[in-house]
Amino acid sequence: MSETEPPVQVGPYADDHQYRLISFCGAHHVPMSRSQFEERMAEDYPGEDPYDSELVAWTDHPGEWPGE
């Protein structure tokens, strides 16, 4: 993760499962559902919009989750 990248990275959208791979502050990617992602964002960034482009970089399909 560089200093110019947002601290949260969301991996590619895939139709074959309900999760997206999420990396917080350069850590290993973890599969998360939308609700898990939003809960973690509320813990790590209280009061912030979990879809703010300054906090979150989406590989593709911003704000979309498979299986919804």
PDB file of N, CA and C in Angstrom:
ATOM      1  N   MET A   1       0.843  -1.177   0.000  1.00  0.00           N
ATOM      2  CA  MET A   1       0.000   0.000   0.000  1.00  0.00           C
ATOM      3  C   MET A   1       0.888   1.239   0.000  1.00  0.00           C
ATOM      4  N   SER A   2       0.632   2.159  -0.902  1.00  0.00           N
ATOM      5  CA  SER A   2       1.406   3.399  -0.945  1.00  0.00           C
ATOM      6  C   SER A   2       0.688   4.471  -0.126  1.00  0.00           C
ATOM      7  N   GLU A   3       1.370   5.569   0.103  1.00  0.00           N
ATOM      8  CA  GLU A   3       0.784   6.657   0.886  1.00  0.00           C
ATOM      9  C   GLU A   3      -0.376   7.319   0.159  1.00  0.00           C
ATOM     10  N   THR A   4      -0.448   7.177  -1.161  1.00  0.00           N
ATOM     11  CA  THR A   4      -1.516   7.815  -1.924  1.00  0.00           C
ATOM     12  C   THR A   4      -2.746   6.928  -2.091  1.00  0.00           C
ATOM     13  N   GLU A   5      -2.627   5.643  -1.788  1.00  0.00           N
ATOM     14  CA  GLU A   5      -3.763   4.732  -1.910  1.00  0.00           C
ATOM     15  C   GLU A   5      -4.629   4.800  -0.660  1.00  0.00           C
ATOM     16  N   PRO A   6      -5.942   4.638  -0.824  1.00  0.00           N
ATOM     17  CA  PRO A   6      -6.810   4.558   0.351  1.00  0.00           C
ATOM     18  C   PRO A   6      -6.408   3.362   1.221  1.00  0.00           C
ATOM     19  N   PRO A   7      -6.672   3.426   2.525  1.00  0.00           N
ATOM     20  CA  PRO A   7      -6.248   2.356   3.432  1.00  0.00           C
ATOM     21  C   PRO A   7      -6.998   1.037   3.265  1.00  0.00           C
ATOM     22  N   VAL A   8      -8.157   1.065   2.617  1.00  0.00           N
ATOM     23  CA  VAL A   8      -8.954  -0.152   2.446  1.00  0.00           C
ATOM     24  C   VAL A   8      -9.025  -0.494   0.962  1.00  0.00           C
ATOM     25  N   GLN A   9      -8.666  -1.717   0.625  1.00  0.00           N
ATOM     26  CA  GLN A   9      -8.683  -2.190  -0.762  1.00  0.00           C
ATOM     27  C   GLN A   9      -9.729  -3.302  -0.893  1.00  0.00           C
ATOM     28  N   VAL A  10     -10.617  -3.162  -1.880  1.00  0.00           N
ATOM     29  CA  VAL A  10     -11.644  -4.180  -2.128  1.00  0.00           C
ATOM     30  C   VAL A  10     -11.305  -4.886  -3.432  1.00  0.00           C
ATOM     31  N   GLY A  11     -11.178  -6.201  -3.356  1.00  0.00           N
ATOM     32  CA  GLY A  11     -10.807  -7.011  -4.513  1.00  0.00           C
ATOM     33  C   GLY A  11     -11.920  -7.134  -5.543  1.00  0.00           C
ATOM     34  N   PRO A  12     -11.646  -7.865  -6.621  1.00  0.00           N
ATOM     35  CA  PRO A  12     -12.579  -7.996  -7.739  1.00  0.00           C
ATOM     36  C   PRO A  12     -13.921  -8.630  -7.366  1.00  0.00           C
ATOM     37  N   TYR A  13     -14.921  -8.193  -8.098  1.00  0.00           N
ATOM     38  CA  TYR A  13     -16.272  -8.746  -7.996  1.00  0.00           C
ATOM     39  C   TYR A  13     -16.292 -10.096  -8.703  1.00  0.00           C
ATOM     40  N   ALA A  14     -16.920 -11.093  -8.088  1.00  0.00           N
ATOM     41  CA  ALA A  14     -17.044 -12.415  -8.711  1.00  0.00           C
ATOM     42  C   ALA A  14     -18.438 -12.953  -8.423  1.00  0.00           C
ATOM     43  N   ASP A  15     -19.109 -13.462  -9.453  1.00  0.00           N
ATOM     44  CA  ASP A  15     -20.476 -13.959  -9.305  1.00  0.00           C
ATOM     45  C   ASP A  15     -20.570 -15.288  -8.575  1.00  0.00           C
ATOM     46  N   ASP A  16     -19.465 -15.984  -8.385  1.00  0.00           N
ATOM     47  CA  ASP A  16     -19.525 -17.348  -7.864  1.00  0.00           C
ATOM     48  C   ASP A  16     -19.511 -17.457  -6.335  1.00  0.00           C
ATOM     49  N   HIS A  17     -19.545 -16.338  -5.626  1.00  0.00           N
ATOM     50  CA  HIS A  17     -19.632 -16.378  -4.164  1.00  0.00           C
ATOM     51  C   HIS A  17     -20.220 -15.075  -3.659  1.00  0.00           C
ATOM     52  N   GLN A  18     -20.513 -14.986  -2.374  1.00  0.00           N
ATOM     53  CA  GLN A  18     -21.164 -13.798  -1.822  1.00  0.00           C
ATOM     54  C   GLN A  18     -20.198 -12.804  -1.189  1.00  0.00           C
ATOM     55  N   TYR A  19     -18.907 -13.082  -1.256  1.00  0.00           N
ATOM     56  CA  TYR A  19     -17.921 -12.248  -0.588  1.00  0.00           C
ATOM     57  C   TYR A  19     -17.062 -11.471  -1.577  1.00  0.00           C
ATOM     58  N   ARG A  20     -16.421 -10.425  -1.048  1.00  0.00           N
ATOM     59  CA  ARG A  20     -15.340  -9.755  -1.757  1.00  0.00           C
ATOM     60  C   ARG A  20     -14.127  -9.828  -0.841  1.00  0.00           C
ATOM     61  N   LEU A  21     -12.956  -9.872  -1.431  1.00  0.00           N
ATOM     62  CA  LEU A  21     -11.729  -9.906  -0.636  1.00  0.00           C
ATOM     63  C   LEU A  21     -11.350  -8.479  -0.254  1.00  0.00           C
ATOM     64  N   ILE A  22     -11.166  -8.252   1.044  1.00  0.00           N
ATOM     65  CA  ILE A  22     -10.909  -6.916   1.569  1.00  0.00           C
ATOM     66  C   ILE A  22      -9.566  -6.904   2.286  1.00  0.00           C
ATOM     67  N   SER A  23      -8.788  -5.841   2.046  1.00  0.00           N
ATOM     68  CA  SER A  23      -7.525  -5.643   2.750  1.00  0.00           C
ATOM     69  C   SER A  23      -7.590  -4.313   3.495  1.00  0.00           C
ATOM     70  N   PHE A  24      -7.308  -4.359   4.797  1.00  0.00           N
ATOM     71  CA  PHE A  24      -7.268  -3.149   5.612  1.00  0.00           C
ATOM     72  C   PHE A  24      -5.819  -2.792   5.894  1.00  0.00           C
ATOM     73  N   CYS A  25      -5.410  -1.606   5.487  1.00  0.00           N
ATOM     74  CA  CYS A  25      -4.065  -1.078   5.750  1.00  0.00           C
ATOM     75  C   CYS A  25      -2.948  -2.011   5.292  1.00  0.00           C
ATOM     76  N   GLY A  26      -3.121  -2.633   4.144  1.00  0.00           N
ATOM     77  CA  GLY A  26      -2.077  -3.466   3.562  1.00  0.00           C
ATOM     78  C   GLY A  26      -1.982  -4.872   4.109  1.00  0.00           C
ATOM     79  N   ALA A  27      -2.885  -5.252   5.004  1.00  0.00           N
ATOM     80  CA  ALA A  27      -2.875  -6.612   5.560  1.00  0.00           C
ATOM     81  C   ALA A  27      -3.384  -7.601   4.513  1.00  0.00           C
ATOM     82  N   HIS A  28      -3.275  -8.888   4.833  1.00  0.00           N
ATOM     83  CA  HIS A  28      -3.776  -9.925   3.926  1.00  0.00           C
ATOM     84  C   HIS A  28      -5.252  -9.700   3.625  1.00  0.00           C
ATOM     85  N   HIS A  29      -5.663 -10.078   2.419  1.00  0.00           N
ATOM     86  CA  HIS A  29      -7.067  -9.974   2.029  1.00  0.00           C
ATOM     87  C   HIS A  29      -7.902 -11.011   2.771  1.00  0.00           C
ATOM     88  N   VAL A  30      -9.068 -10.587   3.232  1.00  0.00           N
ATOM     89  CA  VAL A  30      -9.989 -11.437   3.978  1.00  0.00           C
ATOM     90  C   VAL A  30     -11.339 -11.405   3.273  1.00  0.00           C
ATOM     91  N   PRO A  31     -11.990 -12.568   3.067  1.00  0.00           N
ATOM     92  CA  PRO A  31     -13.312 -12.552   2.449  1.00  0.00           C
ATOM     93  C   PRO A  31     -14.345 -11.978   3.415  1.00  0.00           C
ATOM     94  N   MET A  32     -15.141 -11.031   2.922  1.00  0.00           N
ATOM     95  CA  MET A  32     -16.174 -10.403   3.746  1.00  0.00           C
ATOM     96  C   MET A  32     -17.441 -10.194   2.939  1.00  0.00           C
ATOM     97  N   SER A  33     -18.570 -10.335   3.624  1.00  0.00           N
ATOM     98  CA  SER A  33     -19.857  -9.985   3.033  1.00  0.00           C
ATOM     99  C   SER A  33     -20.046  -8.476   3.207  1.00  0.00           C
ATOM    100  N   ARG A  34     -21.089  -7.931   2.600  1.00  0.00           N
ATOM    101  CA  ARG A  34     -21.366  -6.496   2.758  1.00  0.00           C
ATOM    102  C   ARG A  34     -21.510  -6.149   4.243  1.00  0.00           C
ATOM    103  N   SER A  35     -22.293  -6.923   4.992  1.00  0.00           N
ATOM    104  CA  SER A  35     -22.526  -6.583   6.405  1.00  0.00           C
ATOM    105  C   SER A  35     -21.234  -6.668   7.219  1.00  0.00           C
ATOM    106  N   GLN A  36     -20.398  -7.661   6.950  1.00  0.00           N
ATOM    107  CA  GLN A  36     -19.115  -7.771   7.659  1.00  0.00           C
ATOM    108  C   GLN A  36     -18.217  -6.576   7.343  1.00  0.00           C
ATOM    109  N   PHE A  37     -18.193  -6.186   6.074  1.00  0.00           N
ATOM    110  CA  PHE A  37     -17.400  -5.030   5.646  1.00  0.00           C
ATOM    111  C   PHE A  37     -17.881  -3.766   6.358  1.00  0.00           C
ATOM    112  N   GLU A  38     -19.195  -3.535   6.358  1.00  0.00           N
ATOM    113  CA  GLU A  38     -19.739  -2.329   6.972  1.00  0.00           C
ATOM    114  C   GLU A  38     -19.493  -2.313   8.482  1.00  0.00           C
ATOM    115  N   GLU A  39     -19.592  -3.469   9.143  1.00  0.00           N
ATOM    116  CA  GLU A  39     -19.305  -3.547  10.580  1.00  0.00           C
ATOM    117  C   GLU A  39     -17.844  -3.216  10.866  1.00  0.00           C
ATOM    118  N   ARG A  40     -16.949  -3.774  10.077  1.00  0.00           N
ATOM    119  CA  ARG A  40     -15.512  -3.524  10.274  1.00  0.00           C
ATOM    120  C   ARG A  40     -15.175  -2.055  10.010  1.00  0.00           C
ATOM    121  N   MET A  41     -15.773  -1.482   8.974  1.00  0.00           N
ATOM    122  CA  MET A  41     -15.534  -0.071   8.681  1.00  0.00           C
ATOM    123  C   MET A  41     -16.017   0.803   9.836  1.00  0.00           C
ATOM    124  N   ALA A  42     -17.172   0.467  10.427  1.00  0.00           N
ATOM    125  CA  ALA A  42     -17.703   1.235  11.559  1.00  0.00           C
ATOM    126  C   ALA A  42     -16.773   1.146  12.767  1.00  0.00           C
ATOM    127  N   GLU A  43     -16.131  -0.006  12.946  1.00  0.00           N
ATOM    128  CA  GLU A  43     -15.175  -0.175  14.051  1.00  0.00           C
ATOM    129  C   GLU A  43     -13.892   0.616  13.803  1.00  0.00           C
ATOM    130  N   ASP A  44     -13.362   0.491  12.589  1.00  0.00           N
ATOM    131  CA  ASP A  44     -12.071   1.117  12.268  1.00  0.00           C
ATOM    132  C   ASP A  44     -12.182   2.601  11.942  1.00  0.00           C
ATOM    133  N   TYR A  45     -13.318   3.008  11.377  1.00  0.00           N
ATOM    134  CA  TYR A  45     -13.516   4.392  10.946  1.00  0.00           C
ATOM    135  C   TYR A  45     -14.881   4.882  11.422  1.00  0.00           C
ATOM    136  N   PRO A  46     -15.084   5.015  12.746  1.00  0.00           N
ATOM    137  CA  PRO A  46     -16.392   5.406  13.273  1.00  0.00           C
ATOM    138  C   PRO A  46     -16.847   6.761  12.724  1.00  0.00           C
ATOM    139  N   GLY A  47     -18.112   6.815  12.337  1.00  0.00           N
ATOM    140  CA  GLY A  47     -18.687   8.053  11.829  1.00  0.00           C
ATOM    141  C   GLY A  47     -18.380   8.349  10.375  1.00  0.00           C
ATOM    142  N   GLU A  48     -17.540   7.533   9.744  1.00  0.00           N
ATOM    143  CA  GLU A  48     -17.179   7.748   8.336  1.00  0.00           C
ATOM    144  C   GLU A  48     -18.079   6.922   7.421  1.00  0.00           C
ATOM    145  N   ASP A  49     -18.261   7.398   6.210  1.00  0.00           N
ATOM    146  CA  ASP A  49     -19.013   6.665   5.188  1.00  0.00           C
ATOM    147  C   ASP A  49     -18.160   5.477   4.740  1.00  0.00           C
ATOM    148  N   PRO A  50     -18.664   4.237   4.893  1.00  0.00           N
ATOM    149  CA  PRO A  50     -17.856   3.071   4.517  1.00  0.00           C
ATOM    150  C   PRO A  50     -17.601   2.954   3.014  1.00  0.00           C
ATOM    151  N   TYR A  51     -18.239   3.813   2.229  1.00  0.00           N
ATOM    152  CA  TYR A  51     -18.052   3.779   0.777  1.00  0.00           C
ATOM    153  C   TYR A  51     -17.327   5.032   0.268  1.00  0.00           C
ATOM    154  N   ASP A  52     -16.725   5.789   1.174  1.00  0.00           N
ATOM    155  CA  ASP A  52     -15.983   6.999   0.824  1.00  0.00           C
ATOM    156  C   ASP A  52     -14.744   6.627   0.010  1.00  0.00           C
ATOM    157  N   SER A  53     -14.602   7.223  -1.155  1.00  0.00           N
ATOM    158  CA  SER A  53     -13.481   6.887  -2.045  1.00  0.00           C
ATOM    159  C   SER A  53     -12.124   7.298  -1.475  1.00  0.00           C
ATOM    160  N   GLU A  54     -12.102   8.157  -0.469  1.00  0.00           N
ATOM    161  CA  GLU A  54     -10.828   8.498   0.165  1.00  0.00           C
ATOM    162  C   GLU A  54     -10.378   7.410   1.135  1.00  0.00           C
ATOM    163  N   LEU A  55     -11.317   6.557   1.563  1.00  0.00           N
ATOM    164  CA  LEU A  55     -10.996   5.455   2.471  1.00  0.00           C
ATOM    165  C   LEU A  55     -10.903   4.115   1.765  1.00  0.00           C
ATOM    166  N   VAL A  56     -11.687   3.951   0.693  1.00  0.00           N
ATOM    167  CA  VAL A  56     -11.838   2.640   0.060  1.00  0.00           C
ATOM    168  C   VAL A  56     -11.545   2.710  -1.435  1.00  0.00           C
ATOM    169  N   ALA A  57     -10.689   1.811  -1.910  1.00  0.00           N
ATOM    170  CA  ALA A  57     -10.418   1.661  -3.347  1.00  0.00           C
ATOM    171  C   ALA A  57     -11.022   0.336  -3.799  1.00  0.00           C
ATOM    172  N   TRP A  58     -11.854   0.390  -4.825  1.00  0.00           N
ATOM    173  CA  TRP A  58     -12.525  -0.796  -5.363  1.00  0.00           C
ATOM    174  C   TRP A  58     -11.824  -1.211  -6.645  1.00  0.00           C
ATOM    175  N   THR A  59     -11.488  -2.499  -6.773  1.00  0.00           N
ATOM    176  CA  THR A  59     -10.878  -2.997  -8.000  1.00  0.00           C
ATOM    177  C   THR A  59     -11.840  -2.814  -9.166  1.00  0.00           C
ATOM    178  N   ASP A  60     -13.111  -3.097  -8.922  1.00  0.00           N
ATOM    179  CA  ASP A  60     -14.163  -2.937  -9.930  1.00  0.00           C
ATOM    180  C   ASP A  60     -15.523  -2.925  -9.233  1.00  0.00           C
ATOM    181  N   HIS A  61     -16.562  -2.570  -9.927  1.00  0.00           N
ATOM    182  CA  HIS A  61     -17.944  -2.565  -9.420  1.00  0.00           C
ATOM    183  C   HIS A  61     -18.053  -1.951  -8.019  1.00  0.00           C
ATOM    184  N   PRO A  62     -17.710  -0.668  -7.867  1.00  0.00           N
ATOM    185  CA  PRO A  62     -17.751  -0.039  -6.543  1.00  0.00           C
ATOM    186  C   PRO A  62     -19.123  -0.171  -5.875  1.00  0.00           C
ATOM    187  N   GLY A  63     -19.104  -0.552  -4.615  1.00  0.00           N
ATOM    188  CA  GLY A  63     -20.323  -0.652  -3.827  1.00  0.00           C
ATOM    189  C   GLY A  63     -21.198  -1.851  -4.115  1.00  0.00           C
ATOM    190  N   GLU A  64     -20.798  -2.700  -5.056  1.00  0.00           N
ATOM    191  CA  GLU A  64     -21.603  -3.872  -5.408  1.00  0.00           C
ATOM    192  C   GLU A  64     -21.051  -5.112  -4.722  1.00  0.00           C
ATOM    193  N   TRP A  65     -21.978  -6.028  -4.370  1.00  0.00           N
ATOM    194  CA  TRP A  65     -21.612  -7.271  -3.693  1.00  0.00           C
ATOM    195  C   TRP A  65     -22.257  -8.433  -4.416  1.00  0.00           C
ATOM    196  N   PRO A  66     -21.528  -9.497  -4.652  1.00  0.00           N
ATOM    197  CA  PRO A  66     -22.094 -10.678  -5.301  1.00  0.00           C
ATOM    198  C   PRO A  66     -23.244 -11.253  -4.472  1.00  0.00           C
ATOM    199  N   GLY A  67     -24.202 -11.834  -5.150  1.00  0.00           N
ATOM    200  CA  GLY A  67     -25.309 -12.491  -4.478  1.00  0.00           C
ATOM    201  C   GLY A  67     -26.406 -11.567  -4.006  1.00  0.00           C
ATOM    202  N   GLU A  68     -26.333 -10.288  -4.355  1.00  0.00           N
ATOM    203  CA  GLU A  68     -27.395  -9.358  -3.938  1.00  0.00           C
ATOM    204  C   GLU A  68     -28.230  -8.955  -5.120  1.00  0.00           C
TER     205      GLU A  68
END
